[in-house]
Protein backbone atom coordinates (compact mmCIF):
# COMPACT_ATOMS: atom_id res chain seq x y z
CA UNK A 1 -0.21 0.09 0.07
CA UNK A 2 1.45 3.45 -1.07
CA UNK A 3 0.91 6.73 1.05
CA UNK A 4 0.97 9.95 -1.00
CA UNK A 5 1.59 13.65 0.45
CA UNK A 6 -1.09 16.27 -0.17
CA UNK A 7 0.89 19.08 -2.10
CA UNK A 8 -1.34 19.00 -5.06
CA UNK A 9 -3.62 21.24 -3.29
CA UNK A 10 -0.94 23.74 -2.52
CA UNK A 11 0.13 23.83 -6.42
CA UNK A 12 -3.63 24.38 -7.13
CA UNK A 13 -3.94 27.02 -4.74
CA UNK A 14 -0.65 29.11 -6.15
CA UNK A 15 -2.25 28.40 -9.61
CA UNK A 16 -5.29 30.18 -8.70
CA UNK A 17 -3.33 32.97 -6.94
CA UNK A 18 -1.38 33.63 -10.29
CA UNK A 19 -4.40 34.01 -12.04
CA UNK A 20 -6.37 36.26 -9.47
CA UNK A 21 -8.87 33.81 -7.88
CA UNK A 22 -7.35 34.09 -4.68
CA UNK A 23 -5.65 36.40 -2.75
CA UNK A 24 -3.72 34.34 0.25
CA UNK A 25 0.10 33.87 -0.32
CA UNK A 26 2.05 31.07 -0.65
CA UNK A 27 5.03 30.21 1.67
CA UNK A 28 8.34 28.87 0.56
CA UNK A 29 7.34 25.80 2.16
CA UNK A 30 4.75 24.88 -0.19
CA UNK A 31 7.24 25.46 -3.10
CA UNK A 32 5.51 26.68 -6.22
CA UNK A 33 8.17 25.25 -8.62
CA UNK A 34 9.39 21.93 -6.97
CA UNK A 35 12.07 20.27 -9.14
CA UNK A 36 11.09 16.57 -9.55
CA UNK A 37 13.20 13.59 -9.20
CA UNK A 38 16.37 12.60 -7.10
CA UNK A 39 18.87 9.95 -6.13
CA UNK A 40 17.58 6.49 -5.88
CA UNK A 41 17.03 5.99 -2.34
CA UNK A 42 14.71 5.69 0.89
CA UNK A 43 14.31 8.53 3.22
CA UNK A 44 13.60 7.28 6.85
CA UNK A 45 12.11 9.98 9.14
CA UNK A 46 11.40 9.61 12.59
CA UNK A 47 8.04 11.29 14.18
CA UNK A 48 8.57 11.37 17.87
CA UNK A 49 5.28 12.29 19.16
CA UNK A 50 3.41 10.27 16.61
CA UNK A 51 5.44 7.13 17.28
CA UNK A 52 5.78 6.45 13.55
CA UNK A 53 8.26 5.86 11.11
CA UNK A 54 7.68 7.12 7.70
CA UNK A 55 9.79 5.90 4.53
CA UNK A 56 9.83 7.80 1.56
CA UNK A 57 11.04 6.98 -2.06
CA UNK A 58 13.56 9.75 -2.69
CA UNK A 59 13.36 9.80 -6.33
CA UNK A 60 9.42 10.64 -6.21
CA UNK A 61 9.06 11.63 -2.45
CA UNK A 62 6.36 9.20 -2.33
CA UNK A 63 5.64 7.80 1.03
CA UNK A 64 6.09 4.09 0.55
CA UNK A 65 5.84 2.90 4.25
CA UNK A 66 4.15 4.02 7.57
CA UNK A 67 5.30 2.05 10.51
CA UNK A 68 4.49 2.44 14.30
CA UNK A 69 7.85 2.48 15.95
CA UNK A 70 6.66 0.20 19.08
CA UNK A 71 9.12 1.69 21.29
CA UNK A 72 7.86 5.20 22.44
CA UNK A 73 9.80 8.66 21.43
CA UNK A 74 11.72 7.63 18.64
CA UNK A 75 14.61 10.26 17.88
CA UNK A 76 17.67 8.75 16.49
CA UNK A 77 18.36 6.37 13.49
CA UNK A 78 21.45 4.26 12.55
CA UNK A 79 21.83 1.74 9.87
CA UNK A 80 24.45 -0.99 10.34
CA UNK A 81 27.29 -0.85 7.93
CA UNK A 82 26.05 -3.68 5.98
CA UNK A 83 22.34 -2.38 5.64
CA UNK A 84 20.65 -5.42 6.91
CA UNK A 85 19.54 -3.82 10.20
CA UNK A 86 18.69 -0.66 11.61
CA UNK A 87 18.50 0.61 15.19
CA UNK A 88 16.54 3.53 16.86
CA UNK A 89 17.16 5.22 20.49
CA UNK A 90 14.10 6.96 21.99
CA UNK A 91 14.37 10.20 23.89
CA UNK A 92 13.12 9.00 27.52
CA UNK A 93 14.51 9.44 30.77
CA UNK A 94 14.95 5.84 30.67
CA UNK A 95 14.79 5.00 27.18
CA UNK A 96 15.20 1.87 24.70
CA UNK A 97 16.90 0.81 21.71
CA UNK A 98 15.07 -1.30 19.16
CA UNK A 99 16.07 -2.97 16.17
CA UNK A 100 14.27 -3.57 12.90
CA UNK A 101 15.18 -5.71 9.74
CA UNK A 102 15.73 -3.52 6.43
CA UNK A 103 13.75 -5.96 4.50
CA UNK A 104 10.22 -5.02 4.91
CA UNK A 105 11.16 -2.44 7.40
CA UNK A 106 10.08 -5.05 10.23
CA UNK A 107 10.27 -4.57 13.83
CA UNK A 108 12.65 -7.07 15.37
CA UNK A 109 13.09 -6.56 19.05
CA UNK A 110 13.76 -3.61 21.80
CA UNK A 111 15.71 -3.49 25.06
CA UNK A 112 15.63 -0.72 28.02
CA UNK A 113 18.48 0.98 28.98
CA UNK A 114 20.11 1.20 32.15
CA UNK A 115 18.01 3.43 34.71
CA UNK A 116 18.33 7.19 33.88
CA UNK A 117 19.90 6.69 30.77
CA UNK A 118 18.29 9.18 27.99
CA UNK A 119 19.85 7.61 24.62
CA UNK A 120 20.21 10.20 22.24
CA UNK A 121 22.49 8.63 19.46
CA UNK A 122 23.99 5.34 18.53
CA UNK A 123 27.01 4.68 16.63
CA UNK A 124 27.78 1.14 15.39
CA UNK A 125 31.17 -0.85 14.69
CA UNK A 126 32.24 -1.49 11.21
CA UNK A 127 31.67 -5.46 11.71
CA UNK A 128 28.08 -4.55 12.72
CA UNK A 129 28.60 -6.35 16.15
CA UNK A 130 28.54 -3.46 18.64
CA UNK A 131 26.79 -0.21 19.23
CA UNK A 132 28.15 2.76 21.76
CA UNK A 133 25.13 4.66 23.03
CA UNK A 134 25.39 8.05 24.52
CA UNK A 135 23.47 9.39 27.64
CA UNK A 136 21.57 12.87 27.17
CA UNK A 137 20.65 13.15 30.64
CA UNK A 138 22.47 14.51 33.83
CA UNK A 139 23.33 18.15 32.97
CA UNK A 140 25.22 18.71 36.02
CA UNK A 141 27.63 15.55 36.29
CA UNK A 142 29.45 13.38 34.08
CA UNK A 143 28.07 10.17 33.06
CA UNK A 144 28.56 7.03 30.46
CA UNK A 145 28.63 6.01 27.15
CA UNK A 146 27.37 2.49 27.00
CA UNK A 147 28.36 -0.36 24.86
CA UNK A 148 25.75 -3.07 23.68
CA UNK A 149 26.38 -6.58 21.68
CA UNK A 150 24.16 -5.88 18.91
CA UNK A 151 23.65 -9.69 18.24
CA UNK A 152 22.31 -10.38 21.63
CA UNK A 153 21.11 -7.09 22.47
CA UNK A 154 22.79 -7.13 26.01
CA UNK A 155 25.15 -4.52 27.84
CA UNK A 156 28.52 -4.87 27.73
CA UNK A 157 30.19 -1.97 29.82
CA UNK A 158 30.19 2.03 30.31
CA UNK A 159 32.73 4.10 29.59
CA UNK A 160 33.07 7.54 31.03
CA UNK A 161 31.72 10.14 28.91
CA UNK A 162 31.05 14.06 29.79
CA UNK A 163 28.06 16.08 30.75
CA UNK A 164 24.87 16.08 28.42
CA UNK A 165 26.54 13.58 25.46
CA UNK A 166 24.30 14.19 22.68
CA UNK A 167 25.79 13.01 19.52
CA UNK A 168 28.33 10.20 18.65
CA UNK A 169 29.87 9.03 15.24
CA UNK A 170 32.17 6.49 14.27
CA UNK A 171 35.08 6.89 11.37
CA UNK A 172 34.47 4.92 8.41
CA UNK A 173 37.26 2.41 9.20
CA UNK A 174 35.60 1.70 12.38
CA UNK A 175 38.48 2.74 14.63
CA UNK A 176 37.79 5.98 16.57
CA UNK A 177 34.22 6.88 18.44
CA UNK A 178 33.59 10.52 18.74
CA UNK A 179 31.26 11.91 21.25
CA UNK A 180 29.91 15.67 22.06
CA UNK A 181 29.51 16.53 25.53
CA UNK A 182 27.43 19.84 25.71
CA UNK A 183 28.12 20.71 29.33
CA UNK A 184 31.50 20.19 29.74
CA UNK A 185 32.67 21.61 26.44
CA UNK A 186 34.63 18.66 25.36
CA UNK A 187 34.73 15.42 23.17
CA UNK A 188 35.11 11.51 24.37
CA UNK A 189 37.49 9.70 21.95
CA UNK A 190 37.30 5.92 22.28
CA UNK A 191 39.49 3.54 20.30
CA UNK A 192 37.23 0.42 19.69
CA UNK A 193 40.22 -1.91 19.37
CA UNK A 194 40.51 -2.23 23.12
CA UNK A 195 37.95 0.49 24.14
CA UNK A 196 40.57 2.95 25.65
CA UNK A 197 39.17 6.54 25.92
CA UNK A 198 40.79 9.83 25.87
CA UNK A 199 39.07 13.79 26.07
CA UNK A 200 39.76 16.61 24.20
CA UNK A 201 38.74 20.15 25.16
CA UNK A 202 36.98 21.82 22.43
CA UNK A 203 38.26 25.41 23.99
CA UNK A 204 41.37 25.96 25.73
CA UNK A 205 39.93 23.58 28.62
CA UNK A 206 37.15 21.54 29.48
CA UNK A 207 34.55 23.39 31.44
CA UNK A 208 32.56 22.52 34.70
CA UNK A 209 29.34 21.14 34.26
CA UNK A 210 26.77 23.72 33.33
CA UNK A 211 29.67 26.48 32.64
CA UNK A 212 30.16 25.73 29.23
CA UNK A 213 31.12 28.44 26.65
CA UNK A 214 30.98 26.52 23.40
CA UNK A 215 28.40 23.73 24.18
CA UNK A 216 29.22 20.83 21.59
CA UNK A 217 26.19 19.22 20.53
CA UNK A 218 26.51 17.49 17.01
CA UNK A 219 29.49 16.00 15.30
CA UNK A 220 30.21 14.76 11.43
CA UNK A 221 33.37 12.96 10.18
CA UNK A 222 34.59 13.75 6.86
CA UNK A 223 35.23 10.72 4.76
CA UNK A 224 39.06 10.60 4.69
CA UNK A 225 38.48 10.11 8.59
CA UNK A 226 40.85 12.99 8.90
CA UNK A 227 38.54 15.92 10.59
CA UNK A 228 35.45 15.93 12.74
CA UNK A 229 33.42 18.87 12.71
CA UNK A 230 31.75 19.96 15.78
CA UNK A 231 28.80 21.97 15.81
CA UNK A 232 29.26 24.19 19.40
CA UNK A 233 25.62 25.18 20.14
CA UNK A 234 26.19 27.94 22.41
CA UNK A 235 29.30 29.67 20.98
CA UNK A 236 27.58 29.48 17.41
CA UNK A 237 30.49 28.03 15.83
CA UNK A 238 31.49 24.74 13.84
CA UNK A 239 35.10 23.70 15.25
CA UNK A 240 37.03 21.15 13.63
CA UNK A 241 39.18 18.43 15.25
CA UNK A 242 41.81 16.79 13.48
CA UNK A 243 41.41 13.31 14.62
CA UNK A 244 45.00 11.70 14.22
CA UNK A 245 46.47 14.37 16.63
CA UNK A 246 43.37 15.07 18.88
CA UNK A 247 43.49 18.85 18.28
CA UNK A 248 41.26 21.74 17.60
CA UNK A 249 42.74 22.95 14.29
CA UNK A 250 40.33 25.63 13.37
CA UNK A 251 36.62 27.26 13.22
CA UNK A 252 34.02 29.05 11.77
CA UNK A 253 31.39 31.47 13.25
CA UNK A 254 27.97 30.41 12.25
CA UNK A 255 25.09 33.21 11.81
CA UNK A 256 22.41 32.43 13.98
CA UNK A 257 19.68 34.68 15.38
CA UNK A 258 19.40 33.68 18.99
CA UNK A 259 17.56 36.09 20.94
CA UNK A 260 15.63 34.61 23.54
CA UNK A 261 16.72 31.06 22.95
CA UNK A 262 18.45 28.31 24.81
CA UNK A 263 18.87 25.90 22.22
CA UNK A 264 19.69 27.72 19.04
CA UNK A 265 21.99 26.08 16.84
CA UNK A 266 24.30 25.04 15.23
CA UNK A 267 23.01 21.65 15.64
CA UNK A 268 23.96 18.96 13.48
CA UNK A 269 25.81 18.55 9.98
CA UNK A 270 25.92 16.53 7.04
CA UNK A 271 29.39 16.89 4.69
CA UNK A 272 29.68 16.82 0.76
CA UNK A 273 31.39 13.65 -0.71
CA UNK A 274 34.54 15.86 -1.46
CA UNK A 275 34.54 16.94 2.13
CA UNK A 276 34.73 20.58 1.48
CA UNK A 277 31.03 21.69 2.13
CA UNK A 278 29.05 21.11 5.34
CA UNK A 279 25.58 21.80 5.73
CA UNK A 280 24.50 22.80 9.42
CA UNK A 281 20.82 22.85 10.61
CA UNK A 282 20.46 25.70 13.40
CA UNK A 283 17.65 24.78 15.38
CA UNK A 284 16.17 28.13 16.73
CA UNK A 285 17.86 30.11 13.53
CA UNK A 286 15.14 28.25 11.43
CA UNK A 287 17.46 27.94 8.52
CA UNK A 288 20.17 25.98 7.32
CA UNK A 289 24.10 27.24 6.95
CA UNK A 290 26.27 25.84 4.38
CA UNK A 291 30.08 26.84 4.50
CA UNK A 292 33.19 25.81 2.53
CA UNK A 293 35.87 24.22 4.65
CA UNK A 294 39.13 25.01 2.42
CA UNK A 295 38.01 28.75 2.50
CA UNK A 296 36.23 29.10 5.83
CA UNK A 297 33.65 31.10 3.87
CA UNK A 298 29.88 31.15 4.40
CA UNK A 299 28.06 30.03 1.05
CA UNK A 300 24.45 30.28 1.75
CA UNK A 301 22.20 30.65 4.74
CA UNK A 302 18.76 28.98 3.55
CA UNK A 303 15.77 29.96 5.53
CA UNK A 304 12.85 27.44 6.32
CA UNK A 305 9.33 28.21 6.80
CA UNK A 306 8.48 25.36 9.15
CA UNK A 307 10.33 26.30 12.37
CA UNK A 308 13.33 24.13 14.46
CA UNK A 309 15.66 22.31 11.55
CA UNK A 310 17.27 19.54 13.60
CA UNK A 311 18.11 16.22 11.91
CA UNK A 312 20.02 16.32 8.30
CA UNK A 313 21.18 13.71 5.91
CA UNK A 314 22.77 13.84 2.65
CA UNK A 315 22.36 11.26 -0.21
CA UNK A 316 25.80 9.50 -1.30
CA UNK A 317 26.29 11.53 -4.42
CA UNK A 318 25.71 14.83 -2.76
CA UNK A 319 23.15 15.86 -4.96
CA UNK A 320 20.38 16.13 -2.22
CA UNK A 321 20.62 17.65 1.59
CA UNK A 322 17.20 16.48 3.65
CA UNK A 323 16.80 18.57 6.95
CA UNK A 324 13.94 17.58 9.28
CA UNK A 325 11.88 20.66 10.92
CA UNK A 326 10.43 19.78 14.32
CA UNK A 327 7.71 22.54 14.19
CA UNK A 328 5.72 23.50 17.36
CA UNK A 329 3.99 21.18 19.74
CA UNK A 330 1.21 19.14 17.93
CA UNK A 331 1.81 20.78 14.47
CA UNK A 332 3.09 18.44 11.64
CA UNK A 333 6.74 18.51 10.75
CA UNK A 334 8.40 19.14 7.36
CA UNK A 335 11.27 17.82 5.60
CA UNK A 336 12.95 20.04 3.01
CA UNK A 337 14.97 18.76 0.51
CA UNK A 338 18.17 21.16 -0.49
CA UNK A 339 20.18 20.94 -4.08
CA UNK A 340 23.41 19.74 -2.67
CA UNK A 341 25.35 22.01 -5.51
CA UNK A 342 23.03 25.14 -5.80
CA UNK A 343 22.15 25.15 -2.00
CA UNK A 344 18.76 26.02 -3.39
CA UNK A 345 15.28 24.39 -1.80
CA UNK A 346 13.90 22.14 -4.44
CA UNK A 347 10.84 20.73 -2.49
CA UNK A 348 9.47 19.36 0.65
CA UNK A 349 7.18 17.08 2.39
CA UNK A 350 4.90 17.14 5.30
CA UNK A 351 5.91 14.45 7.80
CA UNK A 352 4.71 13.77 11.36
CA UNK A 353 5.15 15.44 14.71
CA UNK A 354 8.07 16.48 16.43
CA UNK A 355 10.17 14.95 13.44
CA UNK A 356 13.60 14.85 14.99
CA UNK A 357 15.74 12.11 13.43
CA UNK A 358 16.37 11.05 9.79
CA UNK A 359 18.66 9.16 7.40
CA UNK A 360 19.16 8.65 3.67
CA UNK A 361 19.68 5.07 2.63
CA UNK A 362 20.58 3.64 -1.12
CA UNK A 363 17.69 2.12 -2.38
CA UNK A 364 17.94 -1.80 -1.48
């Protein structure tokens, strides 16, 4: 059974407006001249309040599946490297991890986290065997990153992290995990061969919990496993880490209007295939900022009508960027499609309520 988004009425309304039948305006989230087509893939969108997962064909932006997530408040989604399974973590005080099979998008099983663990993200090792889950709770004290056996779905161990660890990523060779600790202004680096770890301050030194200056919130790793880009929500910067030397080597200011907001941005990022262009969602900035790494220049600041852009993902060929806008409480969210080369919005689709997480996958 197929599900289709109702964007046709908006197009008709804009046509009537053009010939003078209507006097209302068309916002940019109802794009008048959408660009059809896209890379051959699937877009998975998590709707946290609806407890649903929507799946779209990215060639046509047609919704091809809609499934109940089983676990409440689905927040973050990650595919195993072999593409056979995907995993969801839930933003609950004591949350869950759920496993699904890619074939048929079928729910497999779920487990509860240890007490008071709010699992905001998961990174998976190159052999598909282990998952490392960060803990977004406890703003006033350092917590842990939890390692699980993804075959047996059993907890293995915990590793020291910082306060409010929000995002975690792994290098493509599977050797290094990098996690952002917002309230202690540092990064946790885990070396997966023996689970040794080290901390790297994103500024001159780590901060005491709650006294952060930078607020590292999101991380994206380039395709050469050379640099990790760190979205610093409080300092309104992206800073980049040289992974080999474990040092912060550069930064760029991200233009965000933060008046009266606590969670402003930059938030999460996607990196182009050539590693020279980074797309940043800005949460309360209501935009996607694009910058070039080699010249440290802002290329675009793309405004979005639907508020609170958060999750962001890119097709493998770099031709499309997808950003999920959470919207206001009890209102549908929206995913915008941005051309990865011209930095122009090409289309958008209605999604569910509180759509935080999303991911693009090649077509099976």
